[in-house]
PDB file of N, CA and C in Angstrom:
ATOM      1  N   UNK A   1       0.171   7.748   9.729  1.00  0.00           N
ATOM      2  CA  UNK A   1       1.493   7.482   8.965  1.00  0.00           C
ATOM      3  C   UNK A   1       1.936   7.965   9.014  1.00  0.00           C
ATOM      4  N   UNK A   2       3.722   7.844   8.028  1.00  0.00           N
ATOM      5  CA  UNK A   2       5.096   8.815   8.780  1.00  0.00           C
ATOM      6  C   UNK A   2       5.020   9.734   7.286  1.00  0.00           C
ATOM      7  N   UNK A   3       6.469  10.827   7.845  1.00  0.00           N
ATOM      8  CA  UNK A   3       6.162  11.364   6.471  1.00  0.00           C
ATOM      9  C   UNK A   3       7.816  11.021   5.305  1.00  0.00           C
ATOM     10  N   UNK A   4       8.767  10.394   6.523  1.00  0.00           N
ATOM     11  CA  UNK A   4       9.386   9.893   5.444  1.00  0.00           C
ATOM     12  C   UNK A   4      10.500   8.625   6.616  1.00  0.00           C
ATOM     13  N   UNK A   5      10.145   7.496   5.186  1.00  0.00           N
ATOM     14  CA  UNK A   5       8.660   7.287   4.166  1.00  0.00           C
ATOM     15  C   UNK A   5       7.323   7.741   4.481  1.00  0.00           C
ATOM     16  N   UNK A   6       6.702   7.312   3.735  1.00  0.00           N
ATOM     17  CA  UNK A   6       5.047   8.100   3.357  1.00  0.00           C
ATOM     18  C   UNK A   6       4.567   6.678   4.248  1.00  0.00           C
ATOM     19  N   UNK A   7       4.278   6.370   5.074  1.00  0.00           N
ATOM     20  CA  UNK A   7       3.911   4.582   5.355  1.00  0.00           C
ATOM     21  C   UNK A   7       3.004   5.239   6.405  1.00  0.00           C
ATOM     22  N   UNK A   8       1.701   4.343   5.459  1.00  0.00           N
ATOM     23  CA  UNK A   8       0.758   4.452   6.836  1.00  0.00           C
ATOM     24  C   UNK A   8       0.415   2.508   7.332  1.00  0.00           C
ATOM     25  N   UNK A   9      -0.170   2.836   8.007  1.00  0.00           N
ATOM     26  CA  UNK A   9      -0.159   2.162   9.187  1.00  0.00           C
ATOM     27  C   UNK A   9      -1.825   1.209   8.743  1.00  0.00           C
ATOM     28  N   UNK A  10      -2.669   0.324   8.644  1.00  0.00           N
ATOM     29  CA  UNK A  10      -4.363   0.135   8.565  1.00  0.00           C
ATOM     30  C   UNK A  10      -4.119  -0.050  10.099  1.00  0.00           C
ATOM     31  N   UNK A  11      -4.553  -0.372  11.085  1.00  0.00           N
ATOM     32  CA  UNK A  11      -4.886  -1.541  12.987  1.00  0.00           C
ATOM     33  C   UNK A  11      -6.454  -1.270  12.994  1.00  0.00           C
ATOM     34  N   UNK A  12      -6.232  -3.340  12.690  1.00  0.00           N
ATOM     35  CA  UNK A  12      -7.772  -3.678  12.523  1.00  0.00           C
ATOM     36  C   UNK A  12      -8.640  -3.772  13.835  1.00  0.00           C
ATOM     37  N   UNK A  13      -9.868  -2.892  14.126  1.00  0.00           N
ATOM     38  CA  UNK A  13     -10.440  -3.125  16.087  1.00  0.00           C
ATOM     39  C   UNK A  13     -12.265  -3.692  15.457  1.00  0.00           C
ATOM     40  N   UNK A  14     -12.314  -4.433  14.404  1.00  0.00           N
ATOM     41  CA  UNK A  14     -13.486  -4.380  14.374  1.00  0.00           C
ATOM     42  C   UNK A  14     -13.459  -5.813  13.587  1.00  0.00           C
ATOM     43  N   UNK A  15     -12.643  -6.426  14.647  1.00  0.00           N
ATOM     44  CA  UNK A  15     -12.243  -7.785  13.314  1.00  0.00           C
ATOM     45  C   UNK A  15     -12.291  -8.587  14.393  1.00  0.00           C
ATOM     46  N   UNK A  16     -12.490 -10.244  14.369  1.00  0.00           N
ATOM     47  CA  UNK A  16     -12.343 -11.075  15.715  1.00  0.00           C
ATOM     48  C   UNK A  16     -10.607 -11.072  15.713  1.00  0.00           C
ATOM     49  N   UNK A  17      -9.390 -11.241  14.767  1.00  0.00           N
ATOM     50  CA  UNK A  17      -8.308 -10.109  15.217  1.00  0.00           C
ATOM     51  C   UNK A  17      -8.458  -9.241  15.408  1.00  0.00           C
ATOM     52  N   UNK A  18      -7.750  -9.177  16.484  1.00  0.00           N
ATOM     53  CA  UNK A  18      -7.348  -7.326  16.357  1.00  0.00           C
ATOM     54  C   UNK A  18      -5.313  -7.566  15.911  1.00  0.00           C
ATOM     55  N   UNK A  19      -5.121  -5.837  15.130  1.00  0.00           N
ATOM     56  CA  UNK A  19      -3.801  -6.470  15.008  1.00  0.00           C
ATOM     57  C   UNK A  19      -3.423  -5.082  13.801  1.00  0.00           C
ATOM     58  N   UNK A  20      -2.205  -5.366  13.335  1.00  0.00           N
ATOM     59  CA  UNK A  20      -1.839  -4.860  12.017  1.00  0.00           C
ATOM     60  C   UNK A  20      -2.848  -5.154  11.399  1.00  0.00           C
ATOM     61  N   UNK A  21      -3.720  -5.070  10.066  1.00  0.00           N
ATOM     62  CA  UNK A  21      -3.905  -5.256   9.162  1.00  0.00           C
ATOM     63  C   UNK A  21      -3.855  -5.149   7.568  1.00  0.00           C
ATOM     64  N   UNK A  22      -2.770  -4.438   7.383  1.00  0.00           N
ATOM     65  CA  UNK A  22      -2.244  -4.229   6.011  1.00  0.00           C
ATOM     66  C   UNK A  22      -1.030  -2.962   6.504  1.00  0.00           C
ATOM     67  N   UNK A  23      -0.063  -2.913   5.838  1.00  0.00           N
ATOM     68  CA  UNK A  23       0.763  -1.680   5.843  1.00  0.00           C
ATOM     69  C   UNK A  23       1.353  -1.656   4.625  1.00  0.00           C
ATOM     70  N   UNK A  24       1.269   0.039   4.156  1.00  0.00           N
ATOM     71  CA  UNK A  24       1.105   0.529   2.788  1.00  0.00           C
ATOM     72  C   UNK A  24       2.784   1.954   2.583  1.00  0.00           C
ATOM     73  N   UNK A  25       2.989   1.746   1.752  1.00  0.00           N
ATOM     74  CA  UNK A  25       3.983   3.230   1.719  1.00  0.00           C
ATOM     75  C   UNK A  25       2.781   3.824   0.098  1.00  0.00           C
ATOM     76  N   UNK A  26       2.581   5.390   0.352  1.00  0.00           N
ATOM     77  CA  UNK A  26       2.284   6.020  -0.257  1.00  0.00           C
ATOM     78  C   UNK A  26       3.225   7.376  -1.178  1.00  0.00           C
ATOM     79  N   UNK A  27       2.913   7.070  -2.396  1.00  0.00           N
ATOM     80  CA  UNK A  27       3.192   7.802  -3.838  1.00  0.00           C
ATOM     81  C   UNK A  27       2.210   9.113  -3.574  1.00  0.00           C
ATOM     82  N   UNK A  28       3.483  10.246  -4.923  1.00  0.00           N
ATOM     83  CA  UNK A  28       2.345  11.564  -5.103  1.00  0.00           C
ATOM     84  C   UNK A  28       2.064  10.777  -6.524  1.00  0.00           C
ATOM     85  N   UNK A  29       2.602  10.050  -7.362  1.00  0.00           N
ATOM     86  CA  UNK A  29       2.020   9.881  -8.519  1.00  0.00           C
ATOM     87  C   UNK A  29       2.310   8.141  -8.708  1.00  0.00           C
ATOM     88  N   UNK A  30       1.437   7.656 -10.528  1.00  0.00           N
ATOM     89  CA  UNK A  30       1.965   6.530 -10.705  1.00  0.00           C
ATOM     90  C   UNK A  30       3.054   6.222 -11.515  1.00  0.00           C
ATOM     91  N   UNK A  31       3.894   7.169 -11.931  1.00  0.00           N
ATOM     92  CA  UNK A  31       5.229   6.484 -11.368  1.00  0.00           C
ATOM     93  C   UNK A  31       6.207   6.391 -10.864  1.00  0.00           C
ATOM     94  N   UNK A  32       5.622   6.997 -10.051  1.00  0.00           N
ATOM     95  CA  UNK A  32       6.643   6.167  -8.760  1.00  0.00           C
ATOM     96  C   UNK A  32       6.187   5.475  -7.920  1.00  0.00           C
ATOM     97  N   UNK A  33       4.876   5.805  -8.066  1.00  0.00           N
ATOM     98  CA  UNK A  33       3.927   4.477  -7.905  1.00  0.00           C
ATOM     99  C   UNK A  33       5.122   2.443  -8.056  1.00  0.00           C
ATOM    100  N   UNK A  34       4.890   2.865  -9.580  1.00  0.00           N
ATOM    101  CA  UNK A  34       5.179   1.864 -10.711  1.00  0.00           C
ATOM    102  C   UNK A  34       6.992   1.665  -9.906  1.00  0.00           C
ATOM    103  N   UNK A  35       7.911   3.053 -10.557  1.00  0.00           N
ATOM    104  CA  UNK A  35       8.703   2.763 -10.033  1.00  0.00           C
ATOM    105  C   UNK A  35       8.564   1.766  -8.592  1.00  0.00           C
ATOM    106  N   UNK A  36       9.030   1.875  -6.873  1.00  0.00           N
ATOM    107  CA  UNK A  36       8.700   1.834  -6.385  1.00  0.00           C
ATOM    108  C   UNK A  36       7.808   0.463  -6.796  1.00  0.00           C
ATOM    109  N   UNK A  37       7.053  -0.522  -6.954  1.00  0.00           N
ATOM    110  CA  UNK A  37       6.725  -1.529  -7.434  1.00  0.00           C
ATOM    111  C   UNK A  37       8.012  -2.245  -7.781  1.00  0.00           C
ATOM    112  N   UNK A  38       9.065  -1.514  -9.285  1.00  0.00           N
ATOM    113  CA  UNK A  38       9.836  -2.330  -9.756  1.00  0.00           C
ATOM    114  C   UNK A  38      10.759  -2.904  -8.104  1.00  0.00           C
ATOM    115  N   UNK A  39      11.170  -1.922  -8.221  1.00  0.00           N
ATOM    116  CA  UNK A  39      12.174  -1.968  -6.554  1.00  0.00           C
ATOM    117  C   UNK A  39      11.754  -2.838  -6.107  1.00  0.00           C
ATOM    118  N   UNK A  40      10.592  -3.838  -5.317  1.00  0.00           N
ATOM    119  CA  UNK A  40       9.877  -4.371  -4.772  1.00  0.00           C
ATOM    120  C   UNK A  40      10.225  -5.836  -5.508  1.00  0.00           C
ATOM    121  N   UNK A  41       9.380  -6.262  -6.697  1.00  0.00           N
ATOM    122  CA  UNK A  41      10.288  -7.128  -7.180  1.00  0.00           C
ATOM    123  C   UNK A  41      11.442  -7.453  -7.593  1.00  0.00           C
ATOM    124  N   UNK A  42      12.390  -6.440  -7.572  1.00  0.00           N
ATOM    125  CA  UNK A  42      14.120  -6.566  -7.828  1.00  0.00           C
ATOM    126  C   UNK A  42      14.102  -7.547  -6.360  1.00  0.00           C
ATOM    127  N   UNK A  43      14.031  -7.113  -5.569  1.00  0.00           N
ATOM    128  CA  UNK A  43      13.593  -7.590  -4.468  1.00  0.00           C
ATOM    129  C   UNK A  43      12.916  -8.786  -3.686  1.00  0.00           C
ATOM    130  N   UNK A  44      12.540  -9.615  -4.817  1.00  0.00           N
ATOM    131  CA  UNK A  44      12.223 -10.923  -4.999  1.00  0.00           C
ATOM    132  C   UNK A  44      10.785 -10.301  -4.073  1.00  0.00           C
ATOM    133  N   UNK A  45       9.840  -9.574  -4.016  1.00  0.00           N
ATOM    134  CA  UNK A  45       8.645  -9.517  -3.156  1.00  0.00           C
ATOM    135  C   UNK A  45       7.086  -8.853  -4.516  1.00  0.00           C
ATOM    136  N   UNK A  46       6.651 -10.324  -4.649  1.00  0.00           N
ATOM    137  CA  UNK A  46       5.660 -10.838  -5.712  1.00  0.00           C
ATOM    138  C   UNK A  46       4.656  -9.643  -5.305  1.00  0.00           C
ATOM    139  N   UNK A  47       4.321  -8.186  -6.164  1.00  0.00           N
ATOM    140  CA  UNK A  47       2.674  -7.580  -5.671  1.00  0.00           C
ATOM    141  C   UNK A  47       1.969  -8.908  -7.409  1.00  0.00           C
ATOM    142  N   UNK A  48       0.539  -7.473  -6.630  1.00  0.00           N
ATOM    143  CA  UNK A  48      -0.228  -7.645  -8.003  1.00  0.00           C
ATOM    144  C   UNK A  48      -0.711  -6.256  -8.746  1.00  0.00           C
ATOM    145  N   UNK A  49      -1.519  -6.336  -9.765  1.00  0.00           N
ATOM    146  CA  UNK A  49      -1.381  -4.405  -9.856  1.00  0.00           C
ATOM    147  C   UNK A  49      -2.498  -4.989  -9.551  1.00  0.00           C
ATOM    148  N   UNK A  50      -3.064  -3.126  -8.933  1.00  0.00           N
ATOM    149  CA  UNK A  50      -4.900  -3.023  -8.463  1.00  0.00           C
ATOM    150  C   UNK A  50      -5.044  -1.854  -8.722  1.00  0.00           C
ATOM    151  N   UNK A  51      -5.992  -1.921 -10.169  1.00  0.00           N
ATOM    152  CA  UNK A  51      -6.289  -0.042 -10.252  1.00  0.00           C
ATOM    153  C   UNK A  51      -8.163   0.058 -10.136  1.00  0.00           C
ATOM    154  N   UNK A  52      -8.030   1.683  -9.702  1.00  0.00           N
ATOM    155  CA  UNK A  52      -9.010   2.342  -9.293  1.00  0.00           C
ATOM    156  C   UNK A  52      -9.663   1.205  -8.312  1.00  0.00           C
ATOM    157  N   UNK A  53      -8.913   1.042  -7.477  1.00  0.00           N
ATOM    158  CA  UNK A  53      -9.697   0.322  -6.008  1.00  0.00           C
ATOM    159  C   UNK A  53     -10.097   1.459  -4.931  1.00  0.00           C
ATOM    160  N   UNK A  54     -10.740   0.673  -5.231  1.00  0.00           N
ATOM    161  CA  UNK A  54     -11.657   1.562  -3.769  1.00  0.00           C
ATOM    162  C   UNK A  54     -10.860   1.316  -1.985  1.00  0.00           C
ATOM    163  N   UNK A  55     -10.271   1.763  -1.258  1.00  0.00           N
ATOM    164  CA  UNK A  55      -8.809   0.778  -0.458  1.00  0.00           C
ATOM    165  C   UNK A  55      -9.518   2.075   0.561  1.00  0.00           C
ATOM    166  N   UNK A  56      -9.428   1.871   2.067  1.00  0.00           N
ATOM    167  CA  UNK A  56      -9.877   3.086   3.220  1.00  0.00           C
ATOM    168  C   UNK A  56     -10.063   4.245   2.908  1.00  0.00           C
ATOM    169  N   UNK A  57     -11.376   4.121   2.534  1.00  0.00           N
ATOM    170  CA  UNK A  57     -12.535   4.696   1.703  1.00  0.00           C
ATOM    171  C   UNK A  57     -11.776   6.106   0.488  1.00  0.00           C
ATOM    172  N   UNK A  58     -11.214   5.448  -0.318  1.00  0.00           N
ATOM    173  CA  UNK A  58     -10.659   6.322  -1.337  1.00  0.00           C
ATOM    174  C   UNK A  58     -10.368   5.720  -2.155  1.00  0.00           C
ATOM    175  N   UNK A  59     -10.720   6.062  -3.542  1.00  0.00           N
ATOM    176  CA  UNK A  59     -10.152   5.603  -5.139  1.00  0.00           C
ATOM    177  C   UNK A  59      -8.709   5.690  -4.581  1.00  0.00           C
ATOM    178  N   UNK A  60      -7.883   4.613  -5.624  1.00  0.00           N
ATOM    179  CA  UNK A  60      -6.583   4.784  -5.920  1.00  0.00           C
ATOM    180  C   UNK A  60      -5.985   3.402  -7.142  1.00  0.00           C
ATOM    181  N   UNK A  61      -5.116   3.788  -7.047  1.00  0.00           N
ATOM    182  CA  UNK A  61      -3.934   3.100  -7.122  1.00  0.00           C
ATOM    183  C   UNK A  61      -3.226   1.483  -6.717  1.00  0.00           C
ATOM    184  N   UNK A  62      -2.650   0.759  -6.636  1.00  0.00           N
ATOM    185  CA  UNK A  62      -1.789  -0.029  -5.505  1.00  0.00           C
ATOM    186  C   UNK A  62      -1.394  -1.312  -6.265  1.00  0.00           C
ATOM    187  N   UNK A  63      -0.999  -0.954  -5.534  1.00  0.00           N
ATOM    188  CA  UNK A  63      -0.088  -3.237  -5.472  1.00  0.00           C
ATOM    189  C   UNK A  63      -0.369  -4.076  -3.783  1.00  0.00           C
ATOM    190  N   UNK A  64      -0.814  -5.560  -4.519  1.00  0.00           N
ATOM    191  CA  UNK A  64      -1.643  -5.776  -3.461  1.00  0.00           C
ATOM    192  C   UNK A  64      -0.329  -7.025  -3.193  1.00  0.00           C
TER     193      UNK A  64
END
């Protein structure tokens, strides 16, 4: 995980196709997450809200 910006890299090794599984930007609050999503929407990046989901062994809110 990088600290600035807070980026998570998930690299898959237990699948048929190895490599980067997903990239994520981490926030400290739901408000910051929603603000980041607003920026992505303005940049024409389409996302879908995922609330209270299990991801990487933790429960979280995210946009996928």
